[in-house]
Protein backbone atom coordinates (compact mmCIF):
# COMPACT_ATOMS: atom_id res chain seq x y z
CA MET A 1 45.74 10.17 33.95
CA LYS A 2 45.53 11.29 30.50
CA ARG A 3 43.86 9.37 27.97
CA PRO A 4 45.74 8.26 24.36
CA ALA A 5 45.25 10.55 21.37
CA MET A 6 43.23 8.62 18.75
CA PRO A 7 45.27 7.30 16.13
CA LYS A 8 45.24 10.21 13.10
CA ALA A 9 44.15 7.53 10.35
CA ILE A 10 40.95 6.83 12.26
CA ARG A 11 40.25 10.50 13.33
CA TYR A 12 40.51 11.74 9.29
CA THR A 13 37.52 8.99 8.69
CA LEU A 14 35.25 9.65 11.17
CA LEU A 15 35.93 13.05 10.36
CA SER A 16 35.35 12.20 6.68
CA ILE A 17 31.99 9.86 7.18
CA ARG A 18 30.83 12.36 10.54
CA ASP A 19 30.38 15.45 7.28
CA LEU A 20 28.85 13.16 4.61
CA ALA A 21 26.10 12.02 7.07
CA LEU A 22 25.17 15.12 8.04
CA SER A 23 25.57 16.19 4.12
CA ALA A 24 23.54 13.49 3.48
CA GLY A 25 20.85 13.92 6.10
CA PRO A 26 18.40 16.31 4.94
CA PHE A 27 17.54 13.18 2.90
CA ALA A 28 17.94 10.80 5.01
CA LEU A 29 15.10 12.03 7.05
CA LEU A 30 12.87 12.52 3.68
CA ALA A 31 13.57 8.67 2.42
CA ALA A 32 12.65 8.03 6.62
CA GLY A 33 10.01 9.59 6.76
CA LEU A 34 8.04 8.70 2.98
CA LEU A 35 9.25 5.36 4.19
CA LEU A 36 6.43 5.91 8.12
CA LEU A 37 3.62 7.19 5.61
CA ALA A 38 4.18 4.50 3.31
CA TYR A 39 4.29 1.85 6.33
CA LEU A 40 1.36 3.87 8.08
CA TRP A 41 -0.99 3.67 4.59
CA LEU A 42 -0.37 -0.01 3.72
CA ASP A 43 -0.28 -1.16 6.83
CA PRO A 44 1.70 -4.79 5.93
CA THR A 45 1.37 -6.09 9.17
CA PRO A 46 -1.05 -8.25 10.36
CA PRO A 47 -2.52 -8.94 13.58
CA LYS A 48 -1.59 -11.49 15.38
CA ARG A 49 -5.42 -12.53 16.70
CA VAL A 50 -7.67 -13.81 14.44
CA THR A 51 -11.81 -15.69 15.05
CA LEU A 52 -12.88 -18.03 13.28
CA ALA A 53 -16.88 -18.94 12.84
CA THR A 54 -16.24 -22.84 12.87
CA GLY A 55 -19.82 -25.01 13.67
CA PRO A 56 -21.08 -28.00 16.40
CA ALA A 57 -18.39 -30.03 18.35
CA GLN A 58 -17.52 -33.06 16.50
CA SER A 59 -18.07 -31.88 13.27
CA ALA A 60 -16.18 -31.65 10.18
CA TYR A 61 -15.99 -27.37 10.79
CA ASP A 62 -14.80 -28.33 14.00
CA GLU A 63 -11.80 -30.44 12.84
CA PHE A 64 -10.51 -28.33 10.15
CA GLY A 65 -10.76 -25.44 12.67
CA LYS A 66 -8.37 -26.85 14.84
CA ARG A 67 -5.86 -27.63 11.90
CA TYR A 68 -5.94 -23.83 10.84
CA GLN A 69 -5.49 -23.00 14.59
CA LYS A 70 -2.32 -25.10 14.34
CA ALA A 71 -0.78 -23.78 11.08
CA LEU A 72 -1.60 -19.95 11.60
CA ARG A 73 0.26 -20.64 15.30
CA ALA A 74 3.33 -21.58 13.45
CA ASN A 75 3.63 -18.25 11.88
CA GLY A 76 2.91 -15.87 14.64
CA ILE A 77 -1.14 -15.64 14.03
CA GLU A 78 -3.59 -16.55 17.44
CA VAL A 79 -6.30 -18.29 15.57
CA THR A 80 -9.55 -18.49 18.10
CA LEU A 81 -12.28 -20.67 17.23
CA LEU A 82 -16.36 -20.21 17.83
CA ALA A 83 -17.94 -22.91 17.85
CA THR A 84 -21.59 -21.91 16.58
CA GLU A 85 -24.95 -24.22 14.66
CA GLY A 86 -23.50 -23.65 11.45
CA SER A 87 -23.26 -22.73 8.59
CA SER A 88 -26.33 -20.39 8.97
CA ALA A 89 -24.70 -18.76 12.00
CA ASN A 90 -21.77 -18.01 10.74
CA LEU A 91 -22.73 -16.40 7.59
CA GLN A 92 -25.08 -13.76 10.41
CA LEU A 93 -21.97 -13.50 12.49
CA LEU A 94 -19.65 -12.10 9.50
CA ARG A 95 -22.70 -9.83 8.28
CA ALA A 96 -22.57 -8.38 12.02
CA GLY A 97 -18.69 -8.35 11.69
CA LYS A 98 -19.04 -10.49 14.90
CA VAL A 99 -16.43 -12.63 13.28
CA ASP A 100 -13.57 -12.15 10.76
CA LEU A 101 -13.53 -15.45 8.84
CA GLY A 102 -16.19 -18.60 9.02
CA PHE A 103 -17.07 -21.74 6.94
CA VAL A 104 -20.34 -21.48 4.78
CA GLN A 105 -21.43 -24.06 3.03
CA GLY A 106 -23.58 -23.09 -0.45
CA GLY A 107 -28.01 -22.31 -0.51
CA SER A 108 -27.46 -21.03 3.54
CA SER A 109 -28.07 -17.51 2.30
CA ASP A 110 -31.91 -16.63 2.05
CA ARG A 111 -30.49 -13.37 0.00
CA GLY A 112 -28.26 -13.52 -2.74
CA ALA A 113 -24.50 -13.56 -2.69
CA ASN A 114 -24.65 -10.24 -4.82
CA ASP A 115 -26.37 -8.52 -1.86
CA ASP A 116 -23.89 -9.51 0.76
CA THR A 117 -20.48 -6.57 -0.36
CA SER A 118 -19.07 -6.83 3.13
CA ILE A 119 -18.35 -10.67 2.64
CA GLU A 120 -15.91 -12.55 0.09
CA SER A 121 -14.68 -15.91 -0.66
CA LEU A 122 -11.61 -17.57 -0.59
CA GLY A 123 -12.66 -19.92 -2.34
CA SER A 124 -14.37 -23.23 -2.55
CA LEU A 125 -12.88 -26.08 0.03
CA PHE A 126 -14.96 -29.46 -0.03
CA VAL A 127 -17.67 -30.61 -0.99
CA GLU A 128 -20.38 -31.32 1.84
CA PRO A 129 -22.53 -34.16 0.66
CA VAL A 130 -26.07 -34.49 2.43
CA TRP A 131 -26.16 -37.13 4.50
CA LEU A 132 -29.22 -38.98 5.27
CA PHE A 133 -29.42 -42.00 7.49
CA TYR A 134 -32.25 -43.98 8.19
CA GLN A 135 -32.86 -46.59 10.54
CA GLU A 136 -33.20 -49.67 8.22
CA GLN A 137 -36.20 -51.12 10.76
CA SER A 138 -38.04 -48.35 10.48
CA ALA A 139 -37.63 -47.90 6.82
CA ARG A 140 -39.91 -51.01 6.39
CA LYS A 141 -42.64 -49.42 7.64
CA VAL A 142 -42.66 -47.33 3.98
CA ASP A 143 -41.38 -49.96 1.98
CA PRO A 144 -41.05 -53.75 2.79
CA SER A 145 -37.64 -53.84 1.35
CA GLY A 146 -36.50 -51.55 4.34
CA THR A 147 -34.24 -48.92 1.99
CA LEU A 148 -35.63 -45.89 0.83
CA THR A 149 -35.00 -44.32 -2.52
CA ALA A 150 -36.58 -40.82 -2.41
CA LEU A 151 -37.55 -37.63 -0.01
CA ALA A 152 -41.17 -38.42 -0.54
CA GLN A 153 -41.08 -42.35 1.34
CA LEU A 154 -40.27 -39.56 4.34
CA THR A 155 -43.81 -38.67 4.85
CA GLY A 156 -44.66 -40.00 8.81
CA LEU A 157 -41.37 -40.86 9.33
CA ARG A 158 -39.42 -39.04 12.33
CA LEU A 159 -36.64 -36.77 10.57
CA ASN A 160 -33.83 -34.40 12.11
CA VAL A 161 -32.86 -31.56 10.13
CA GLY A 162 -31.05 -30.36 13.22
CA THR A 163 -30.67 -26.51 13.85
CA ALA A 164 -31.97 -23.61 12.26
CA GLY A 165 -28.04 -22.05 12.49
CA SER A 166 -26.40 -25.37 10.77
CA GLY A 167 -28.39 -24.48 7.17
CA VAL A 168 -29.49 -27.77 6.79
CA PRO A 169 -33.35 -27.08 7.35
CA THR A 170 -32.97 -24.10 4.94
CA LEU A 171 -31.45 -26.83 2.72
CA MET A 172 -33.95 -29.80 2.97
CA ASP A 173 -36.88 -27.29 2.92
CA LYS A 174 -35.63 -26.00 -0.63
CA LEU A 175 -35.35 -29.60 -1.30
CA PHE A 176 -38.53 -30.80 -0.23
CA GLU A 177 -40.58 -27.81 -1.95
CA ALA A 178 -39.07 -29.24 -5.21
CA ASN A 179 -40.32 -32.72 -4.76
CA LYS A 180 -43.97 -30.60 -3.58
CA ILE A 181 -43.89 -32.07 -0.07
CA ASP A 182 -46.24 -30.42 2.51
CA ARG A 183 -43.69 -29.91 5.34
CA GLN A 184 -46.97 -30.13 7.79
CA SER A 185 -47.06 -34.13 6.18
CA LEU A 186 -43.79 -34.80 7.43
CA ARG A 187 -42.66 -35.52 11.41
CA LEU A 188 -39.70 -32.79 11.84
CA SER A 189 -37.39 -32.07 14.63
CA ARG A 190 -34.39 -29.86 15.28
CA LEU A 191 -32.02 -31.18 17.35
CA GLU A 192 -28.41 -30.30 17.59
CA GLN A 193 -26.06 -33.18 15.54
CA THR A 194 -25.30 -34.88 18.32
CA PRO A 195 -28.21 -34.91 20.59
CA ALA A 196 -29.99 -35.87 17.27
CA THR A 197 -27.04 -38.64 16.75
CA VAL A 198 -27.58 -40.21 20.25
CA ALA A 199 -31.83 -39.87 19.58
CA PHE A 200 -31.01 -41.58 16.60
CA LEU A 201 -29.67 -44.93 17.34
CA GLY A 202 -31.73 -45.19 20.70
CA GLY A 203 -34.17 -45.68 18.20
CA GLU A 204 -36.37 -42.37 19.32
CA ILE A 205 -35.86 -40.83 15.59
CA ASP A 206 -36.79 -42.36 12.27
CA ALA A 207 -33.83 -40.07 10.65
CA VAL A 208 -31.39 -37.30 10.12
CA VAL A 209 -29.85 -35.78 7.71
CA PHE A 210 -26.43 -33.78 8.04
CA ALA A 211 -24.84 -31.46 5.37
CA SER A 212 -21.74 -31.76 6.30
CA ALA A 213 -17.79 -33.41 4.76
CA PRO A 214 -17.07 -37.58 5.26
CA GLU A 215 -13.94 -36.06 8.22
CA SER A 216 -17.03 -35.52 9.94
CA LEU A 217 -16.86 -37.98 13.52
CA MET A 218 -20.84 -38.53 12.75
CA VAL A 219 -20.97 -39.14 9.50
CA GLN A 220 -17.51 -41.81 9.73
CA MET A 221 -19.71 -43.38 12.37
CA LEU A 222 -23.40 -43.90 11.42
CA LEU A 223 -21.81 -45.02 7.86
CA GLN A 224 -20.25 -47.89 10.06
CA THR A 225 -23.01 -48.72 12.41
CA PRO A 226 -25.19 -51.68 11.33
CA GLY A 227 -28.90 -51.25 10.88
CA VAL A 228 -28.20 -47.90 9.38
CA LYS A 229 -28.11 -47.17 5.97
CA LEU A 230 -27.41 -44.00 3.85
CA MET A 231 -30.18 -43.08 1.27
CA ASP A 232 -29.27 -43.27 -2.07
CA PHE A 233 -30.18 -39.85 -4.42
CA GLY A 234 -31.35 -41.22 -8.07
CA GLN A 235 -32.16 -37.96 -8.80
CA SER A 236 -28.88 -35.97 -8.21
CA GLU A 237 -28.26 -35.13 -11.72
CA ALA A 238 -31.83 -33.00 -11.27
CA TYR A 239 -31.05 -32.29 -8.34
CA SER A 240 -27.89 -30.64 -9.81
CA ARG A 241 -29.68 -28.79 -12.23
CA ARG A 242 -32.33 -27.65 -10.28
CA PHE A 243 -30.47 -25.86 -7.63
CA ALA A 244 -27.13 -24.04 -8.94
CA PHE A 245 -25.16 -24.62 -5.43
CA LEU A 246 -25.84 -28.36 -5.63
CA THR A 247 -23.03 -30.63 -7.18
CA PRO A 248 -23.84 -34.57 -7.79
CA VAL A 249 -21.73 -37.26 -6.17
CA LEU A 250 -20.31 -40.42 -5.53
CA LEU A 251 -20.10 -42.47 -3.19
CA PRO A 252 -17.70 -45.46 -4.44
CA ARG A 253 -18.20 -49.01 -3.03
CA GLY A 254 -15.59 -50.28 -0.25
CA VAL A 255 -14.24 -46.38 -0.04
CA VAL A 256 -15.35 -46.40 3.89
CA ASP A 257 -13.86 -49.61 4.22
CA LEU A 258 -12.27 -52.05 1.62
CA ALA A 259 -12.45 -54.90 4.30
CA SER A 260 -15.61 -54.93 5.39
CA ASP A 261 -16.45 -53.47 1.79
CA VAL A 262 -18.66 -50.65 3.00
CA PRO A 263 -20.90 -48.86 1.44
CA GLN A 264 -21.45 -52.68 -0.36
CA GLN A 265 -22.21 -50.80 -3.59
CA ASN A 266 -22.41 -46.94 -5.33
CA VAL A 267 -24.46 -44.21 -3.39
CA ARG A 268 -25.70 -41.62 -4.98
CA LEU A 269 -25.41 -38.34 -3.32
CA VAL A 270 -25.85 -34.71 -3.43
CA ALA A 271 -23.67 -32.25 -1.96
CA THR A 272 -23.10 -28.66 -1.26
CA THR A 273 -19.73 -26.96 -1.85
CA THR A 274 -18.33 -25.19 1.33
CA ALA A 275 -16.18 -22.15 1.12
CA MET A 276 -14.50 -20.24 3.56
CA LEU A 277 -16.17 -16.88 3.91
CA ALA A 278 -14.71 -13.21 4.82
CA ARG A 279 -15.37 -9.75 5.84
CA GLU A 280 -14.08 -6.70 4.22
CA GLY A 281 -11.72 -5.03 5.86
CA THR A 282 -9.55 -8.84 6.69
CA HIS A 283 -5.41 -8.01 6.30
CA PRO A 284 -4.49 -9.76 2.88
CA ALA A 285 -1.70 -11.04 4.59
CA LEU A 286 -4.44 -13.36 6.68
CA LEU A 287 -6.39 -14.46 3.44
CA GLN A 288 -2.77 -16.02 2.00
CA LEU A 289 -2.26 -17.57 5.19
CA PHE A 290 -5.61 -19.11 5.77
CA VAL A 291 -5.15 -19.75 1.50
CA GLN A 292 -2.15 -21.39 1.90
CA ALA A 293 -3.07 -23.33 4.92
CA ALA A 294 -6.11 -24.48 2.55
CA ARG A 295 -3.97 -26.25 0.20
CA ASP A 296 -2.58 -27.93 2.80
CA PHE A 297 -5.66 -29.79 4.07
CA HIS A 298 -7.99 -29.67 1.24
CA GLY A 299 -5.42 -30.26 -1.64
CA PRO A 300 -4.93 -33.84 -1.19
CA ALA A 301 -7.65 -36.82 -2.93
CA GLY A 302 -10.21 -37.16 -0.95
CA TRP A 303 -13.61 -39.74 -1.09
CA PHE A 304 -15.34 -37.09 -3.40
CA ASN A 305 -12.47 -35.12 -5.05
CA ARG A 306 -9.05 -35.64 -6.93
CA ALA A 307 -6.04 -34.39 -5.08
CA GLY A 308 -5.38 -30.66 -6.79
CA ALA A 309 -9.23 -30.34 -7.01
CA PHE A 310 -9.43 -28.00 -3.80
CA PRO A 311 -9.48 -25.29 -2.80
CA THR A 312 -11.09 -24.00 -6.35
CA THR A 313 -12.57 -20.65 -7.50
CA ASP A 314 -15.48 -22.55 -8.86
CA HIS A 315 -18.76 -23.13 -7.61
CA SER A 316 -18.69 -19.71 -5.49
CA GLU A 317 -21.69 -17.89 -4.72
CA TYR A 318 -19.44 -15.06 -3.40
CA PRO A 319 -16.87 -12.83 -5.44
CA ILE A 320 -13.35 -14.40 -5.19
CA SER A 321 -10.75 -12.26 -2.87
CA ARG A 322 -7.73 -11.21 -5.10
CA GLU A 323 -5.23 -11.83 -2.34
CA ALA A 324 -6.90 -15.42 -2.50
CA GLU A 325 -7.41 -16.04 -6.64
CA ARG A 326 -3.64 -15.36 -7.10
CA THR A 327 -2.44 -17.61 -4.12
CA ILE A 328 -4.76 -20.81 -4.79
CA ARG A 329 -3.21 -20.01 -8.14
CA SER A 330 0.52 -19.89 -7.41
CA GLY A 331 1.12 -21.07 -4.22
CA ALA A 332 3.21 -18.99 -1.48
CA PRO A 333 5.00 -16.10 -2.47
CA PHE A 334 8.28 -16.70 -3.85
CA LEU A 335 10.17 -14.90 -0.08
CA GLN A 336 7.83 -16.87 2.16
CA ARG A 337 9.48 -20.45 0.59
CA TYR A 338 12.76 -18.98 2.54
CA LEU A 339 12.23 -16.19 4.51
CA PRO A 340 9.77 -16.19 7.71
CA PHE A 341 6.74 -15.21 7.10
CA TRP A 342 6.62 -11.36 8.72
CA LEU A 343 9.57 -10.64 7.00
CA ALA A 344 8.78 -12.28 3.71
CA ASN A 345 5.38 -10.00 3.93
CA LEU A 346 6.99 -6.68 4.81
CA VAL A 347 9.23 -6.87 2.09
CA GLU A 348 6.08 -8.27 -0.26
CA ARG A 349 4.00 -5.57 0.60
CA MET A 350 5.86 -2.28 0.67
CA TRP A 351 8.77 -3.63 -2.35
CA LEU A 352 6.68 -1.32 -4.36
CA VAL A 353 6.77 1.78 -1.81
CA LEU A 354 10.67 1.21 -1.69
CA GLY A 355 10.93 1.41 -5.32
CA ILE A 356 9.13 5.01 -5.51
CA ILE A 357 11.16 6.31 -2.79
CA VAL A 358 14.28 5.15 -4.19
CA ALA A 359 12.55 6.49 -7.88
CA ILE A 360 12.69 10.22 -5.89
CA LEU A 361 15.82 10.43 -3.69
CA LEU A 362 17.75 8.83 -7.29
CA PRO A 363 17.97 12.31 -8.63
CA LEU A 364 18.40 14.35 -5.39
CA SER A 365 21.17 12.02 -4.22
CA ARG A 366 22.95 13.50 -6.52
CA ILE A 367 23.32 16.91 -4.58
CA VAL A 368 24.93 14.87 -1.86
CA PRO A 369 28.56 15.23 -3.09
CA PRO A 370 28.41 19.08 -4.07
CA LEU A 371 27.12 19.87 -0.99
CA TYR A 372 29.60 17.61 0.90
CA GLU A 373 32.40 19.32 -0.94
CA PHE A 374 30.99 22.43 -0.37
CA ARG A 375 30.52 21.62 3.53
CA ILE A 376 34.01 21.00 3.73
CA ARG A 377 36.05 23.29 1.59
CA SER A 378 33.75 26.08 3.19
CA ARG A 379 36.06 25.58 6.77
CA VAL A 380 39.02 26.86 4.76
CA PHE A 381 37.87 29.57 2.77
CA ARG A 382 35.58 31.27 5.17
CA TRP A 383 39.23 32.26 6.40
CA TYR A 384 40.23 33.83 3.16
CA GLY A 385 38.10 36.64 3.79
CA GLN A 386 39.72 38.05 7.52
CA LEU A 387 43.32 37.23 6.08
CA ARG A 388 42.48 39.55 2.73
CA GLU A 389 41.07 42.09 5.41
CA ILE A 390 44.86 42.16 7.04
CA GLU A 391 46.30 42.44 3.64
CA ASN A 392 43.87 45.49 2.79
CA ARG A 393 44.81 47.60 6.10
CA ILE A 394 48.64 46.73 5.49
CA GLN A 395 48.40 47.92 1.54
CA GLU A 396 47.02 51.36 3.63
CA GLY A 397 49.81 51.53 6.00
CA ALA A 398 47.41 52.98 8.49
CA GLN A 399 47.93 50.73 11.47
CA ASP A 400 50.36 49.15 13.82
CA PRO A 401 52.93 46.81 11.95
CA ALA A 402 52.83 45.32 15.58
CA LEU A 403 48.13 45.10 15.52
CA LEU A 404 48.58 43.62 12.48
CA ALA A 405 50.71 41.03 13.26
CA GLN A 406 49.34 40.06 16.26
CA ASP A 407 45.87 39.81 14.30
CA LEU A 408 47.74 37.96 11.60
CA ALA A 409 49.39 35.20 14.78
CA GLN A 410 45.79 34.82 15.60
CA LEU A 411 43.99 33.93 12.35
CA GLU A 412 47.33 31.43 11.89
CA GLN A 413 45.87 29.63 15.72
CA ARG A 414 42.58 29.44 14.33
CA VAL A 415 43.64 28.58 11.15
CA GLY A 416 45.72 25.63 12.71
CA GLN A 417 43.04 24.09 14.63
CA VAL A 418 40.95 23.74 11.53
CA SER A 419 40.33 19.80 10.76
CA VAL A 420 39.39 18.79 7.35
CA PRO A 421 39.73 14.71 5.22
CA LEU A 422 43.43 14.20 3.73
CA SER A 423 41.57 14.41 0.30
CA TYR A 424 41.13 18.39 1.59
CA ALA A 425 44.61 18.34 2.84
CA ASP A 426 45.61 20.79 0.07
CA GLU A 427 43.11 23.37 0.64
CA LEU A 428 44.23 23.75 3.96
CA TYR A 429 48.20 23.57 3.47
CA ALA A 430 47.20 26.88 0.65
CA LEU A 431 45.70 28.78 3.13
CA ARG A 432 48.36 28.41 5.33
CA ASN A 433 51.50 29.21 2.71
CA ASN A 434 49.13 32.17 1.72
CA ILE A 435 49.24 32.98 6.00
CA SER A 436 52.99 33.03 5.91
CA LEU A 437 52.96 35.30 2.16
CA VAL A 438 51.00 37.43 4.04
CA ARG A 439 52.84 37.38 6.97
CA GLY A 440 56.03 38.04 4.22
CA ARG A 441 54.50 41.43 3.27
CA LEU A 442 53.99 42.35 6.30
CA THR A 443 57.68 42.35 7.99
CA ALA A 444 58.72 44.30 4.15
CA ALA A 445 56.28 47.29 4.88
CA ALA A 446 57.43 47.55 8.46
CA ALA A 447 60.86 47.62 7.08
């Protein structure tokens, strides 16, 4: 069955498109090559999996880690949570390159932050007060009122300072040294938070110390446990002057439970500032997502801060990531407010390169119209050489007119098969008229 002929209008349109594509093809390939090189160099697409070092089970770090995991999953990023002993362990994992990010409280480093060139900060997220809980009954051994007001009163009591990986022992050693307390005079233990809390409530330990955000379940429970008191750091201002990583904070009366008036009076505490640290080489888009989530989680008002106080670039012991600083200051980029994350991130990180490529190709694109015109007209003009040759042979009169007529007929047949866009049809018809003109001369010469 014979296939229906394509409409001439569509045929000529497709012909023009084909010729234009062939003329602009080299420039399109150049642009594609430049885009590919820029994509490989900039690496705009973040990895789909990232590891976050948190802390012990039921700690504030653990709870916040779950929130970050849920927030980034909405953008297609899977956050693997690595439970650790705490801040010091997280810092060691970051230095070893075994995790991508981690929660680290101020004062956890055993060396200057400037020495850790492979680590950068995403900003301070929240304060972690030093919670020193003690049994009122045990405190009566030291003071008849059952109230402790100074670290020196802990001498002879059973105190748990946590595991080495939590960072609390390092912090407490600095505080003991500042108070000129001989560690040998203290009955210290190094249990994890949960076993320590169980032993504390069971009377096996007189006091426990945590450095944690108030969101910690252990802190929330102990604040409302009868017979358990929270030590008031009356010298909190002095501690902040002696240690740059400490900040004086106030636990307001009734903030834990207004109905039960817990605590029954203002409690002065010292607090470290916890930051989220990232190892060098972590993808910038991931840092941006974590800081955006941090603004949602830590931005509202809390027990120790007003709304909008966190995250912040203040109180940082490590260099602040430029990506984090920009996000803390300006929030989510404009495109991410209206486009999916993957698309907005791709455009944001490629727009400068796209501009450079356009600036390079724009002057070169001026060659395309003349090249297109030459390509079309060359289909017609290349036959003028054969027509001129036949005309010269006619003028010489050395060949048989019948043979020349045959060559002229073959040329006319081939020209009849040439297809050009309608805008160049005049060139084709001019060639056909010239062939007819030469045929007239041949007829006259033969007569």
